[in-house]
């Protein structure tokens, strides 16, 4: 499976969108998601690529480069893009019921994180100032977002972060990650069945074991 740098290309596209926001009057307003967007379907996609400032952009690009490249290596560029877009769109569909407006790639990025948690739960990343398995980091991020979302719903928001979008994106990423993990396991089982029946597919047992250890643990 050839690595095609879909993550980096996506980051480049997001930077171009940010430049358009800065240079073209009305660009952000045309794509931002708000309560009146139900009849304007393009906003549920377009808002994923918008950002409300340089700090917001840099933070999301850093997370996307880190987690996006990891997921792309494991399942391929097209599947990575599918998880990113589907998680982002569905997170927007959920979160817009709670916020007056939405923009940013955070929901989609949390979808990527959710998929990584399922596909490679013991993958060690650097989070909260220390190395830890991504499943632990995901639980901690989820708890933090849940507490902030609860504060928002209770009328005591800490800031304007779309925590409900984060939680929704991660939930959909977990579901999509489980789908791809099952497909990967199914393919390996088919290879083994074909080999056991005396078919022409010949894969060394150690190669399959190494693959499972690398991608499905």
N, C-alpha and C. Protein backbone atom coordinates (compact mmCIF):
# COMPACT_ATOMS: atom_id res chain seq x y z
N UNK A 1 0.85 -1.19 0.00
CA UNK A 1 0.00 0.00 0.00
C UNK A 1 0.89 1.24 0.00
N UNK A 2 0.89 1.97 -1.10
CA UNK A 2 1.76 3.11 -1.26
C UNK A 2 1.24 4.31 -0.49
N UNK A 3 2.14 4.96 0.25
CA UNK A 3 1.76 6.15 1.02
C UNK A 3 1.69 7.35 0.07
N UNK A 4 0.55 8.02 0.04
CA UNK A 4 0.33 9.09 -0.94
C UNK A 4 0.18 10.47 -0.31
N UNK A 5 0.47 10.59 0.97
CA UNK A 5 0.49 11.91 1.63
C UNK A 5 -0.86 12.63 1.56
N UNK A 6 -1.94 11.89 1.70
CA UNK A 6 -3.26 12.51 1.72
C UNK A 6 -3.39 13.50 2.88
N UNK A 7 -2.82 13.16 4.01
CA UNK A 7 -2.92 14.05 5.18
C UNK A 7 -2.27 15.39 4.89
N UNK A 8 -1.07 15.37 4.31
CA UNK A 8 -0.36 16.62 4.04
C UNK A 8 -1.09 17.43 2.97
N UNK A 9 -1.65 16.75 1.97
CA UNK A 9 -2.42 17.45 0.95
C UNK A 9 -3.66 18.10 1.55
N UNK A 10 -4.30 17.39 2.49
CA UNK A 10 -5.46 17.93 3.17
C UNK A 10 -5.08 19.16 3.98
N UNK A 11 -3.95 19.10 4.65
CA UNK A 11 -3.47 20.26 5.42
C UNK A 11 -3.21 21.45 4.50
N UNK A 12 -2.62 21.18 3.33
CA UNK A 12 -2.39 22.26 2.37
C UNK A 12 -3.69 22.89 1.92
N UNK A 13 -4.72 22.07 1.70
CA UNK A 13 -6.02 22.60 1.30
C UNK A 13 -6.62 23.47 2.40
N UNK A 14 -6.49 23.03 3.64
CA UNK A 14 -7.02 23.80 4.77
C UNK A 14 -6.31 25.15 4.87
N UNK A 15 -5.01 25.18 4.62
CA UNK A 15 -4.27 26.45 4.64
C UNK A 15 -4.79 27.37 3.54
N UNK A 16 -5.03 26.83 2.35
CA UNK A 16 -5.56 27.63 1.26
C UNK A 16 -6.93 28.21 1.61
N UNK A 17 -7.76 27.40 2.26
CA UNK A 17 -9.08 27.88 2.69
C UNK A 17 -8.92 29.02 3.69
N UNK A 18 -7.96 28.90 4.60
CA UNK A 18 -7.73 29.96 5.58
C UNK A 18 -7.28 31.25 4.89
N UNK A 19 -6.44 31.12 3.88
CA UNK A 19 -6.02 32.30 3.12
C UNK A 19 -7.21 32.94 2.43
N UNK A 20 -8.10 32.11 1.89
CA UNK A 20 -9.31 32.63 1.25
C UNK A 20 -10.18 33.35 2.26
N UNK A 21 -10.27 32.80 3.48
CA UNK A 21 -11.03 33.48 4.54
C UNK A 21 -10.46 34.86 4.82
N UNK A 22 -9.13 34.96 4.79
CA UNK A 22 -8.46 36.21 5.13
C UNK A 22 -8.54 37.24 4.01
N UNK A 23 -8.64 36.76 2.76
CA UNK A 23 -8.51 37.68 1.63
C UNK A 23 -9.83 37.96 0.90
N UNK A 24 -10.80 37.07 1.03
CA UNK A 24 -12.04 37.21 0.26
C UNK A 24 -13.19 37.57 1.19
N UNK A 25 -13.77 38.72 0.96
CA UNK A 25 -14.87 39.18 1.79
C UNK A 25 -16.09 38.27 1.63
N UNK A 26 -16.67 37.85 2.73
CA UNK A 26 -17.87 37.03 2.71
C UNK A 26 -17.61 35.54 2.55
N UNK A 27 -16.34 35.13 2.41
CA UNK A 27 -16.03 33.72 2.21
C UNK A 27 -16.43 32.89 3.42
N UNK A 28 -16.02 33.34 4.61
CA UNK A 28 -16.35 32.60 5.83
C UNK A 28 -17.86 32.54 6.04
N UNK A 29 -18.53 33.64 5.80
CA UNK A 29 -19.98 33.70 6.01
C UNK A 29 -20.72 32.75 5.08
N UNK A 30 -20.16 32.49 3.91
CA UNK A 30 -20.82 31.61 2.94
C UNK A 30 -20.76 30.15 3.37
N UNK A 31 -19.71 29.77 4.12
CA UNK A 31 -19.50 28.37 4.48
C UNK A 31 -19.73 28.04 5.95
N UNK A 32 -19.75 29.05 6.82
CA UNK A 32 -19.90 28.78 8.24
C UNK A 32 -21.25 28.11 8.51
N UNK A 33 -21.26 27.24 9.49
CA UNK A 33 -22.47 26.49 9.83
C UNK A 33 -23.21 27.20 10.95
N UNK A 34 -24.50 27.44 10.77
CA UNK A 34 -25.31 28.05 11.82
C UNK A 34 -26.69 27.42 11.84
N UNK A 35 -27.54 27.92 12.71
CA UNK A 35 -28.86 27.32 12.90
C UNK A 35 -29.74 27.36 11.67
N UNK A 36 -29.44 28.25 10.74
CA UNK A 36 -30.25 28.35 9.53
C UNK A 36 -29.68 27.61 8.35
N UNK A 37 -28.74 26.69 8.60
CA UNK A 37 -28.02 26.03 7.52
C UNK A 37 -28.65 24.73 7.04
N UNK A 38 -29.77 24.32 7.61
CA UNK A 38 -30.34 23.01 7.26
C UNK A 38 -30.72 22.93 5.79
N UNK A 39 -31.02 24.04 5.17
CA UNK A 39 -31.33 24.03 3.75
C UNK A 39 -30.13 24.32 2.88
N UNK A 40 -28.97 24.45 3.48
CA UNK A 40 -27.73 24.75 2.75
C UNK A 40 -26.70 23.68 3.09
N UNK A 41 -26.82 22.55 2.42
CA UNK A 41 -26.07 21.35 2.79
C UNK A 41 -24.57 21.54 2.69
N UNK A 42 -24.10 22.38 1.76
CA UNK A 42 -22.66 22.55 1.57
C UNK A 42 -21.97 23.07 2.84
N UNK A 43 -22.71 23.75 3.71
CA UNK A 43 -22.10 24.29 4.92
C UNK A 43 -21.66 23.18 5.88
N UNK A 44 -22.33 22.05 5.87
CA UNK A 44 -21.96 20.95 6.77
C UNK A 44 -20.60 20.36 6.39
N UNK A 45 -20.23 20.53 5.13
CA UNK A 45 -18.90 20.11 4.67
C UNK A 45 -17.92 21.28 4.75
N UNK A 46 -18.31 22.42 4.20
CA UNK A 46 -17.41 23.57 4.12
C UNK A 46 -16.92 24.05 5.47
N UNK A 47 -17.78 23.99 6.48
CA UNK A 47 -17.39 24.49 7.81
C UNK A 47 -16.24 23.70 8.41
N UNK A 48 -16.05 22.45 7.97
CA UNK A 48 -14.96 21.63 8.50
C UNK A 48 -13.61 22.28 8.21
N UNK A 49 -13.51 22.98 7.10
CA UNK A 49 -12.22 23.51 6.64
C UNK A 49 -11.98 24.96 7.06
N UNK A 50 -12.95 25.56 7.73
CA UNK A 50 -12.81 26.94 8.19
C UNK A 50 -12.15 27.01 9.57
N UNK A 51 -11.48 28.13 9.85
CA UNK A 51 -10.91 28.35 11.18
C UNK A 51 -11.05 29.83 11.54
N UNK A 52 -11.20 30.09 12.84
CA UNK A 52 -11.50 31.46 13.25
C UNK A 52 -10.27 32.24 13.69
N UNK A 53 -9.10 31.75 13.40
CA UNK A 53 -7.88 32.48 13.75
C UNK A 53 -6.66 31.62 13.51
N UNK A 54 -5.48 32.26 13.54
CA UNK A 54 -4.24 31.54 13.27
C UNK A 54 -3.95 30.48 14.33
N UNK A 55 -4.22 30.78 15.59
CA UNK A 55 -3.97 29.81 16.66
C UNK A 55 -4.84 28.57 16.49
N UNK A 56 -6.11 28.79 16.16
CA UNK A 56 -7.03 27.68 15.91
C UNK A 56 -6.54 26.82 14.74
N UNK A 57 -6.08 27.47 13.68
CA UNK A 57 -5.57 26.77 12.51
C UNK A 57 -4.34 25.93 12.85
N UNK A 58 -3.37 26.53 13.54
CA UNK A 58 -2.12 25.84 13.85
C UNK A 58 -2.38 24.64 14.76
N UNK A 59 -3.22 24.82 15.75
CA UNK A 59 -3.52 23.72 16.68
C UNK A 59 -4.13 22.54 15.93
N UNK A 60 -5.09 22.81 15.06
CA UNK A 60 -5.74 21.73 14.32
C UNK A 60 -4.81 21.09 13.30
N UNK A 61 -3.97 21.90 12.65
CA UNK A 61 -3.01 21.34 11.70
C UNK A 61 -2.02 20.42 12.40
N UNK A 62 -1.56 20.81 13.57
CA UNK A 62 -0.63 19.97 14.34
C UNK A 62 -1.28 18.61 14.65
N UNK A 63 -2.52 18.65 15.13
CA UNK A 63 -3.22 17.40 15.48
C UNK A 63 -3.48 16.56 14.24
N UNK A 64 -3.86 17.21 13.14
CA UNK A 64 -4.16 16.48 11.92
C UNK A 64 -2.91 15.82 11.34
N UNK A 65 -1.79 16.54 11.34
CA UNK A 65 -0.55 15.97 10.84
C UNK A 65 -0.14 14.76 11.68
N UNK A 66 -0.24 14.89 12.99
CA UNK A 66 0.16 13.81 13.89
C UNK A 66 -0.74 12.59 13.72
N UNK A 67 -2.03 12.76 13.95
CA UNK A 67 -2.93 11.61 13.96
C UNK A 67 -3.34 11.18 12.55
N UNK A 68 -3.46 12.13 11.64
CA UNK A 68 -3.83 11.78 10.28
C UNK A 68 -2.79 10.91 9.60
N UNK A 69 -1.52 11.26 9.73
CA UNK A 69 -0.47 10.45 9.12
C UNK A 69 -0.43 9.04 9.72
N UNK A 70 -0.64 8.94 11.03
CA UNK A 70 -0.65 7.63 11.67
C UNK A 70 -1.78 6.76 11.11
N UNK A 71 -2.97 7.34 11.00
CA UNK A 71 -4.10 6.57 10.48
C UNK A 71 -3.91 6.23 9.01
N UNK A 72 -3.37 7.16 8.25
CA UNK A 72 -3.16 6.92 6.83
C UNK A 72 -2.19 5.77 6.60
N UNK A 73 -1.15 5.69 7.42
CA UNK A 73 -0.19 4.59 7.31
C UNK A 73 -0.88 3.25 7.56
N UNK A 74 -1.81 3.22 8.50
CA UNK A 74 -2.45 1.97 8.91
C UNK A 74 -3.52 1.49 7.93
N UNK A 75 -4.33 2.41 7.39
CA UNK A 75 -5.48 1.96 6.58
C UNK A 75 -5.49 2.52 5.16
N UNK A 76 -4.57 3.41 4.84
CA UNK A 76 -4.54 3.98 3.50
C UNK A 76 -5.17 5.36 3.43
N UNK A 77 -4.77 6.12 2.40
CA UNK A 77 -5.20 7.50 2.29
C UNK A 77 -6.68 7.69 2.05
N UNK A 78 -7.28 6.89 1.18
CA UNK A 78 -8.70 7.07 0.87
C UNK A 78 -9.57 6.74 2.08
N UNK A 79 -9.21 5.69 2.80
CA UNK A 79 -9.98 5.35 3.99
C UNK A 79 -9.81 6.42 5.07
N UNK A 80 -8.61 6.95 5.18
CA UNK A 80 -8.39 8.06 6.11
C UNK A 80 -9.28 9.24 5.76
N UNK A 81 -9.31 9.62 4.48
CA UNK A 81 -10.15 10.75 4.07
C UNK A 81 -11.62 10.48 4.34
N UNK A 82 -12.04 9.23 4.12
CA UNK A 82 -13.45 8.87 4.38
C UNK A 82 -13.78 9.06 5.85
N UNK A 83 -12.90 8.60 6.73
CA UNK A 83 -13.15 8.76 8.18
C UNK A 83 -13.15 10.23 8.56
N UNK A 84 -12.21 10.99 8.03
CA UNK A 84 -12.14 12.43 8.33
C UNK A 84 -13.42 13.14 7.93
N UNK A 85 -13.85 12.94 6.70
CA UNK A 85 -15.02 13.66 6.19
C UNK A 85 -16.31 13.19 6.82
N UNK A 86 -16.49 11.87 6.91
CA UNK A 86 -17.74 11.35 7.48
C UNK A 86 -17.88 11.76 8.94
N UNK A 87 -16.80 11.64 9.71
CA UNK A 87 -16.84 12.05 11.12
C UNK A 87 -17.13 13.53 11.25
N UNK A 88 -16.47 14.34 10.41
CA UNK A 88 -16.67 15.78 10.48
C UNK A 88 -18.09 16.20 10.14
N UNK A 89 -18.64 15.60 9.08
CA UNK A 89 -20.01 15.95 8.68
C UNK A 89 -21.02 15.52 9.74
N UNK A 90 -20.89 14.28 10.22
CA UNK A 90 -21.84 13.79 11.22
C UNK A 90 -21.71 14.55 12.54
N UNK A 91 -20.48 14.91 12.91
CA UNK A 91 -20.29 15.71 14.13
C UNK A 91 -20.98 17.06 13.98
N UNK A 92 -20.89 17.66 12.80
CA UNK A 92 -21.58 18.93 12.56
C UNK A 92 -23.09 18.78 12.65
N UNK A 93 -23.61 17.68 12.11
CA UNK A 93 -25.05 17.43 12.15
C UNK A 93 -25.57 17.33 13.58
N UNK A 94 -24.75 16.76 14.46
CA UNK A 94 -25.13 16.66 15.87
C UNK A 94 -24.95 17.99 16.59
N UNK A 95 -23.76 18.57 16.45
CA UNK A 95 -23.38 19.72 17.27
C UNK A 95 -24.17 20.99 16.95
N UNK A 96 -24.61 21.15 15.69
CA UNK A 96 -25.31 22.39 15.34
C UNK A 96 -26.63 22.52 16.09
N UNK A 97 -27.11 21.43 16.65
CA UNK A 97 -28.33 21.50 17.46
C UNK A 97 -28.09 22.16 18.82
N UNK A 98 -26.81 22.38 19.16
CA UNK A 98 -26.48 22.94 20.47
C UNK A 98 -25.77 24.29 20.40
N UNK A 99 -25.14 24.60 19.26
CA UNK A 99 -24.38 25.84 19.14
C UNK A 99 -25.01 26.76 18.10
N UNK A 100 -24.80 28.04 18.26
CA UNK A 100 -25.35 29.00 17.30
C UNK A 100 -24.61 28.96 15.98
N UNK A 101 -23.31 28.64 16.00
CA UNK A 101 -22.55 28.48 14.77
C UNK A 101 -21.37 27.56 15.02
N UNK A 102 -20.83 26.98 13.95
CA UNK A 102 -19.73 26.03 14.04
C UNK A 102 -18.76 26.23 12.88
N UNK A 103 -17.48 26.06 13.17
CA UNK A 103 -16.48 25.98 12.13
C UNK A 103 -15.24 25.31 12.71
N UNK A 104 -14.46 24.69 11.85
CA UNK A 104 -13.24 24.05 12.30
C UNK A 104 -13.21 22.55 12.05
N UNK A 105 -12.00 22.00 12.01
CA UNK A 105 -11.79 20.59 11.69
C UNK A 105 -11.75 19.70 12.93
N UNK A 106 -12.01 20.25 14.11
CA UNK A 106 -11.84 19.48 15.35
C UNK A 106 -12.70 18.21 15.39
N UNK A 107 -13.95 18.30 14.99
CA UNK A 107 -14.81 17.13 15.02
C UNK A 107 -14.28 16.02 14.12
N UNK A 108 -13.79 16.41 12.93
CA UNK A 108 -13.23 15.43 12.01
C UNK A 108 -11.94 14.83 12.56
N UNK A 109 -11.11 15.65 13.20
CA UNK A 109 -9.85 15.17 13.77
C UNK A 109 -10.12 14.21 14.92
N UNK A 110 -11.12 14.51 15.74
CA UNK A 110 -11.47 13.58 16.81
C UNK A 110 -12.02 12.28 16.23
N UNK A 111 -12.62 12.33 15.04
CA UNK A 111 -13.01 11.11 14.36
C UNK A 111 -11.81 10.27 14.00
N UNK A 112 -10.76 10.91 13.52
CA UNK A 112 -9.50 10.22 13.22
C UNK A 112 -8.92 9.59 14.48
N UNK A 113 -8.94 10.34 15.57
CA UNK A 113 -8.44 9.81 16.85
C UNK A 113 -9.27 8.60 17.29
N UNK A 114 -10.59 8.70 17.17
CA UNK A 114 -11.45 7.59 17.55
C UNK A 114 -11.15 6.33 16.74
N UNK A 115 -10.92 6.50 15.44
CA UNK A 115 -10.58 5.35 14.60
C UNK A 115 -9.25 4.74 15.03
N UNK A 116 -8.28 5.57 15.34
CA UNK A 116 -6.98 5.07 15.80
C UNK A 116 -7.12 4.29 17.10
N UNK A 117 -7.99 4.75 17.99
CA UNK A 117 -8.19 4.06 19.27
C UNK A 117 -8.66 2.63 19.05
N UNK A 118 -9.55 2.44 18.08
CA UNK A 118 -10.06 1.10 17.82
C UNK A 118 -9.05 0.26 17.04
N UNK A 119 -8.44 0.84 16.03
CA UNK A 119 -7.55 0.09 15.15
C UNK A 119 -6.22 -0.24 15.82
N UNK A 120 -5.72 0.69 16.61
CA UNK A 120 -4.42 0.49 17.25
C UNK A 120 -4.45 1.06 18.68
N UNK A 121 -5.19 0.45 19.59
CA UNK A 121 -5.41 1.03 20.93
C UNK A 121 -4.15 1.24 21.76
N UNK A 122 -3.13 0.42 21.56
CA UNK A 122 -1.93 0.52 22.37
C UNK A 122 -0.84 1.35 21.72
N UNK A 123 -1.19 2.05 20.64
CA UNK A 123 -0.24 2.96 20.00
C UNK A 123 0.17 4.04 21.00
N UNK A 124 1.46 4.19 21.24
CA UNK A 124 1.94 5.15 22.22
C UNK A 124 2.10 6.52 21.58
N UNK A 125 1.48 7.52 22.19
CA UNK A 125 1.59 8.90 21.74
C UNK A 125 2.01 9.77 22.92
N UNK A 126 2.38 11.00 22.63
CA UNK A 126 2.73 11.95 23.67
C UNK A 126 1.51 12.82 23.98
N UNK A 127 0.98 12.74 25.17
CA UNK A 127 -0.20 13.51 25.55
C UNK A 127 -0.13 13.86 27.02
N UNK A 128 -0.61 15.03 27.37
CA UNK A 128 -0.62 15.50 28.76
C UNK A 128 0.79 15.47 29.37
N UNK A 129 1.78 15.74 28.52
CA UNK A 129 3.16 15.84 29.00
C UNK A 129 3.85 14.52 29.25
N UNK A 130 3.30 13.41 28.74
CA UNK A 130 3.92 12.10 28.97
C UNK A 130 3.51 11.13 27.88
N UNK A 131 4.29 10.07 27.64
CA UNK A 131 3.88 9.04 26.68
C UNK A 131 2.81 8.14 27.28
N UNK A 132 1.83 7.78 26.48
CA UNK A 132 0.76 6.90 26.95
C UNK A 132 0.07 6.26 25.75
N UNK A 133 -0.59 5.11 25.95
CA UNK A 133 -1.37 4.51 24.86
C UNK A 133 -2.49 5.45 24.41
N UNK A 134 -2.78 5.46 23.14
CA UNK A 134 -3.78 6.39 22.62
C UNK A 134 -5.16 6.13 23.23
N UNK A 135 -5.44 4.88 23.64
CA UNK A 135 -6.74 4.61 24.25
C UNK A 135 -6.88 5.34 25.58
N UNK A 136 -5.79 5.45 26.33
CA UNK A 136 -5.82 6.19 27.60
C UNK A 136 -5.97 7.68 27.33
N UNK A 137 -5.20 8.18 26.37
CA UNK A 137 -5.31 9.60 26.02
C UNK A 137 -6.71 9.93 25.54
N UNK A 138 -7.30 9.03 24.74
CA UNK A 138 -8.65 9.26 24.25
C UNK A 138 -9.68 9.32 25.36
N UNK A 139 -9.53 8.44 26.35
CA UNK A 139 -10.44 8.45 27.49
C UNK A 139 -10.32 9.77 28.25
N UNK A 140 -9.10 10.22 28.46
CA UNK A 140 -8.88 11.48 29.18
C UNK A 140 -9.43 12.67 28.40
N UNK A 141 -9.19 12.70 27.09
CA UNK A 141 -9.75 13.77 26.27
C UNK A 141 -11.27 13.72 26.30
N UNK A 142 -11.82 12.52 26.24
CA UNK A 142 -13.27 12.39 26.27
C UNK A 142 -13.87 12.88 27.58
N UNK A 143 -13.21 12.55 28.70
CA UNK A 143 -13.69 13.02 30.00
C UNK A 143 -13.65 14.54 30.07
N UNK A 144 -12.55 15.12 29.59
CA UNK A 144 -12.42 16.58 29.60
C UNK A 144 -13.49 17.24 28.77
N UNK A 145 -13.74 16.71 27.57
CA UNK A 145 -14.77 17.29 26.70
C UNK A 145 -16.16 17.10 27.29
N UNK A 146 -16.38 15.95 27.91
CA UNK A 146 -17.69 15.71 28.53
C UNK A 146 -17.96 16.71 29.65
N UNK A 147 -16.96 16.96 30.48
CA UNK A 147 -17.14 17.91 31.58
C UNK A 147 -17.39 19.32 31.06
N UNK A 148 -16.65 19.71 30.00
CA UNK A 148 -16.85 21.05 29.44
C UNK A 148 -18.20 21.15 28.72
N UNK A 149 -18.60 20.06 28.06
CA UNK A 149 -19.92 20.07 27.42
C UNK A 149 -21.03 20.17 28.45
N UNK A 150 -20.84 19.48 29.56
CA UNK A 150 -21.84 19.56 30.64
C UNK A 150 -21.94 20.99 31.17
N UNK A 151 -20.78 21.63 31.34
CA UNK A 151 -20.79 23.02 31.79
C UNK A 151 -21.49 23.93 30.79
N UNK A 152 -21.27 23.69 29.51
CA UNK A 152 -21.93 24.49 28.47
C UNK A 152 -23.44 24.29 28.53
N UNK A 153 -23.89 23.04 28.63
CA UNK A 153 -25.33 22.76 28.66
C UNK A 153 -25.97 23.28 29.95
N UNK A 154 -25.18 23.36 31.02
CA UNK A 154 -25.70 23.87 32.29
C UNK A 154 -25.67 25.40 32.36
N UNK A 155 -25.17 26.02 31.31
CA UNK A 155 -25.13 27.48 31.27
C UNK A 155 -23.87 28.09 31.83
N UNK A 156 -22.82 27.27 32.04
CA UNK A 156 -21.55 27.78 32.56
C UNK A 156 -20.39 27.36 31.64
N UNK A 157 -20.39 27.85 30.40
CA UNK A 157 -19.33 27.45 29.47
C UNK A 157 -17.98 28.01 29.88
N UNK A 158 -16.92 27.20 29.71
CA UNK A 158 -15.57 27.67 30.02
C UNK A 158 -15.01 28.52 28.90
N UNK A 159 -15.38 28.19 27.66
CA UNK A 159 -14.92 28.94 26.49
C UNK A 159 -15.86 28.62 25.34
N UNK A 160 -15.45 28.96 24.11
CA UNK A 160 -16.32 28.72 22.95
C UNK A 160 -15.94 27.45 22.19
N UNK A 161 -15.25 26.52 22.84
CA UNK A 161 -14.87 25.26 22.20
C UNK A 161 -16.09 24.40 21.94
N UNK A 162 -16.13 23.77 20.76
CA UNK A 162 -17.26 22.91 20.42
C UNK A 162 -17.06 21.49 20.95
N UNK A 163 -17.16 21.34 22.26
CA UNK A 163 -16.89 20.04 22.89
C UNK A 163 -17.85 18.95 22.43
N UNK A 164 -19.09 19.33 22.15
CA UNK A 164 -20.06 18.34 21.68
C UNK A 164 -19.65 17.83 20.30
N UNK A 165 -19.08 18.70 19.47
CA UNK A 165 -18.57 18.27 18.17
C UNK A 165 -17.40 17.30 18.36
N UNK A 166 -16.53 17.58 19.34
CA UNK A 166 -15.42 16.68 19.63
C UNK A 166 -15.93 15.29 20.01
N UNK A 167 -16.86 15.25 20.96
CA UNK A 167 -17.38 13.97 21.43
C UNK A 167 -18.11 13.22 20.32
N UNK A 168 -18.88 13.94 19.52
CA UNK A 168 -19.60 13.30 18.42
C UNK A 168 -18.63 12.76 17.38
N UNK A 169 -17.62 13.56 17.03
CA UNK A 169 -16.64 13.12 16.06
C UNK A 169 -15.91 11.88 16.52
N UNK A 170 -15.52 11.84 17.81
CA UNK A 170 -14.83 10.67 18.33
C UNK A 170 -15.74 9.45 18.30
N UNK A 171 -17.00 9.62 18.65
CA UNK A 171 -17.95 8.49 18.65
C UNK A 171 -18.09 7.90 17.26
N UNK A 172 -18.24 8.75 16.25
CA UNK A 172 -18.36 8.25 14.88
C UNK A 172 -17.04 7.64 14.41
N UNK A 173 -15.91 8.20 14.85
CA UNK A 173 -14.62 7.62 14.50
C UNK A 173 -14.44 6.23 15.08
N UNK A 174 -14.92 6.03 16.31
CA UNK A 174 -14.86 4.70 16.92
C UNK A 174 -15.65 3.68 16.09
N UNK A 175 -16.83 4.09 15.63
CA UNK A 175 -17.66 3.19 14.83
C UNK A 175 -16.98 2.87 13.50
N UNK A 176 -16.47 3.88 12.82
CA UNK A 176 -15.80 3.66 11.54
C UNK A 176 -14.52 2.86 11.71
N UNK A 177 -13.79 3.12 12.80
CA UNK A 177 -12.59 2.35 13.07
C UNK A 177 -12.89 0.89 13.28
N UNK A 178 -13.99 0.60 13.98
CA UNK A 178 -14.40 -0.79 14.20
C UNK A 178 -14.74 -1.46 12.87
N UNK A 179 -15.35 -0.72 11.97
CA UNK A 179 -15.69 -1.25 10.65
C UNK A 179 -14.44 -1.65 9.89
N UNK A 180 -13.44 -0.76 9.85
CA UNK A 180 -12.22 -1.05 9.11
C UNK A 180 -11.39 -2.14 9.79
N UNK A 181 -11.44 -2.18 11.10
CA UNK A 181 -10.71 -3.23 11.82
C UNK A 181 -11.30 -4.61 11.49
N UNK A 182 -12.62 -4.70 11.46
CA UNK A 182 -13.27 -5.97 11.11
C UNK A 182 -12.93 -6.39 9.69
N UNK A 183 -12.92 -5.43 8.78
CA UNK A 183 -12.58 -5.74 7.39
C UNK A 183 -11.15 -6.26 7.29
N UNK A 184 -10.23 -5.64 8.03
CA UNK A 184 -8.84 -6.07 7.99
C UNK A 184 -8.70 -7.50 8.53
N UNK A 185 -9.39 -7.77 9.64
CA UNK A 185 -9.35 -9.13 10.19
C UNK A 185 -9.97 -10.14 9.23
N UNK A 186 -11.07 -9.73 8.58
CA UNK A 186 -11.72 -10.62 7.63
C UNK A 186 -10.82 -10.99 6.46
N UNK A 187 -10.06 -10.02 5.98
CA UNK A 187 -9.14 -10.30 4.89
C UNK A 187 -8.07 -11.30 5.31
N UNK A 188 -7.53 -11.13 6.51
CA UNK A 188 -6.52 -12.06 6.98
C UNK A 188 -7.09 -13.46 7.15
N UNK A 189 -8.34 -13.57 7.62
CA UNK A 189 -8.97 -14.88 7.76
C UNK A 189 -9.20 -15.54 6.40
N UNK A 190 -9.55 -14.72 5.39
CA UNK A 190 -9.74 -15.25 4.05
C UNK A 190 -8.44 -15.79 3.48
N UNK A 191 -7.34 -15.05 3.73
CA UNK A 191 -6.04 -15.52 3.28
C UNK A 191 -5.71 -16.87 3.90
N UNK A 192 -5.97 -17.00 5.20
CA UNK A 192 -5.67 -18.24 5.90
C UNK A 192 -6.54 -19.39 5.39
N UNK A 193 -7.83 -19.10 5.15
CA UNK A 193 -8.74 -20.14 4.66
C UNK A 193 -8.30 -20.62 3.29
N UNK A 194 -7.90 -19.70 2.44
CA UNK A 194 -7.45 -20.06 1.10
C UNK A 194 -6.19 -20.91 1.16
N UNK A 195 -5.31 -20.55 2.06
CA UNK A 195 -4.08 -21.32 2.22
C UNK A 195 -4.39 -22.73 2.73
N UNK A 196 -5.31 -22.83 3.71
CA UNK A 196 -5.65 -24.13 4.28
C UNK A 196 -6.33 -25.05 3.26
N UNK A 197 -7.04 -24.44 2.28
CA UNK A 197 -7.69 -25.24 1.25
C UNK A 197 -6.74 -25.64 0.13
N UNK A 198 -5.50 -25.23 0.25
CA UNK A 198 -4.52 -25.57 -0.77
C UNK A 198 -4.56 -24.65 -1.97
N UNK A 199 -5.08 -23.43 -1.79
CA UNK A 199 -5.14 -22.47 -2.88
C UNK A 199 -3.76 -21.94 -3.24
N UNK A 200 -3.76 -21.04 -4.21
CA UNK A 200 -2.49 -20.53 -4.73
C UNK A 200 -1.92 -19.40 -3.88
N UNK A 201 -2.71 -18.86 -2.96
CA UNK A 201 -2.20 -17.76 -2.13
C UNK A 201 -1.26 -18.35 -1.09
N UNK A 202 -0.05 -17.87 -1.08
CA UNK A 202 0.94 -18.37 -0.15
C UNK A 202 1.51 -17.22 0.66
N UNK A 203 1.19 -17.19 1.94
CA UNK A 203 1.69 -16.14 2.83
C UNK A 203 2.29 -16.81 4.04
N UNK A 204 3.51 -16.46 4.31
CA UNK A 204 4.20 -17.06 5.44
C UNK A 204 3.49 -16.70 6.74
N UNK A 205 3.37 -17.69 7.64
CA UNK A 205 2.69 -17.49 8.92
C UNK A 205 3.31 -16.36 9.71
N UNK A 206 4.64 -16.25 9.68
CA UNK A 206 5.30 -15.19 10.45
C UNK A 206 4.96 -13.81 9.91
N UNK A 207 4.77 -13.72 8.58
CA UNK A 207 4.39 -12.44 7.98
C UNK A 207 3.01 -12.02 8.46
N UNK A 208 2.06 -12.97 8.48
CA UNK A 208 0.71 -12.65 8.95
C UNK A 208 0.71 -12.29 10.43
N UNK A 209 1.51 -12.99 11.21
CA UNK A 209 1.57 -12.69 12.65
C UNK A 209 2.15 -11.30 12.88
N UNK A 210 3.20 -10.97 12.13
CA UNK A 210 3.79 -9.64 12.26
C UNK A 210 2.80 -8.56 11.86
N UNK A 211 2.01 -8.82 10.77
CA UNK A 211 1.03 -7.85 10.33
C UNK A 211 -0.03 -7.62 11.37
N UNK A 212 -0.54 -8.69 11.96
CA UNK A 212 -1.57 -8.57 13.00
C UNK A 212 -1.01 -7.85 14.22
N UNK A 213 0.22 -8.17 14.59
CA UNK A 213 0.83 -7.54 15.75
C UNK A 213 1.01 -6.03 15.53
N UNK A 214 1.35 -5.68 14.29
CA UNK A 214 1.62 -4.28 13.98
C UNK A 214 0.35 -3.44 13.84
N UNK A 215 -0.68 -4.02 13.20
CA UNK A 215 -1.84 -3.22 12.85
C UNK A 215 -3.11 -3.51 13.65
N UNK A 216 -3.20 -4.65 14.31
CA UNK A 216 -4.46 -5.01 14.96
C UNK A 216 -4.32 -5.20 16.46
N UNK A 217 -3.26 -4.73 17.06
CA UNK A 217 -3.12 -4.78 18.50
C UNK A 217 -3.41 -3.43 19.11
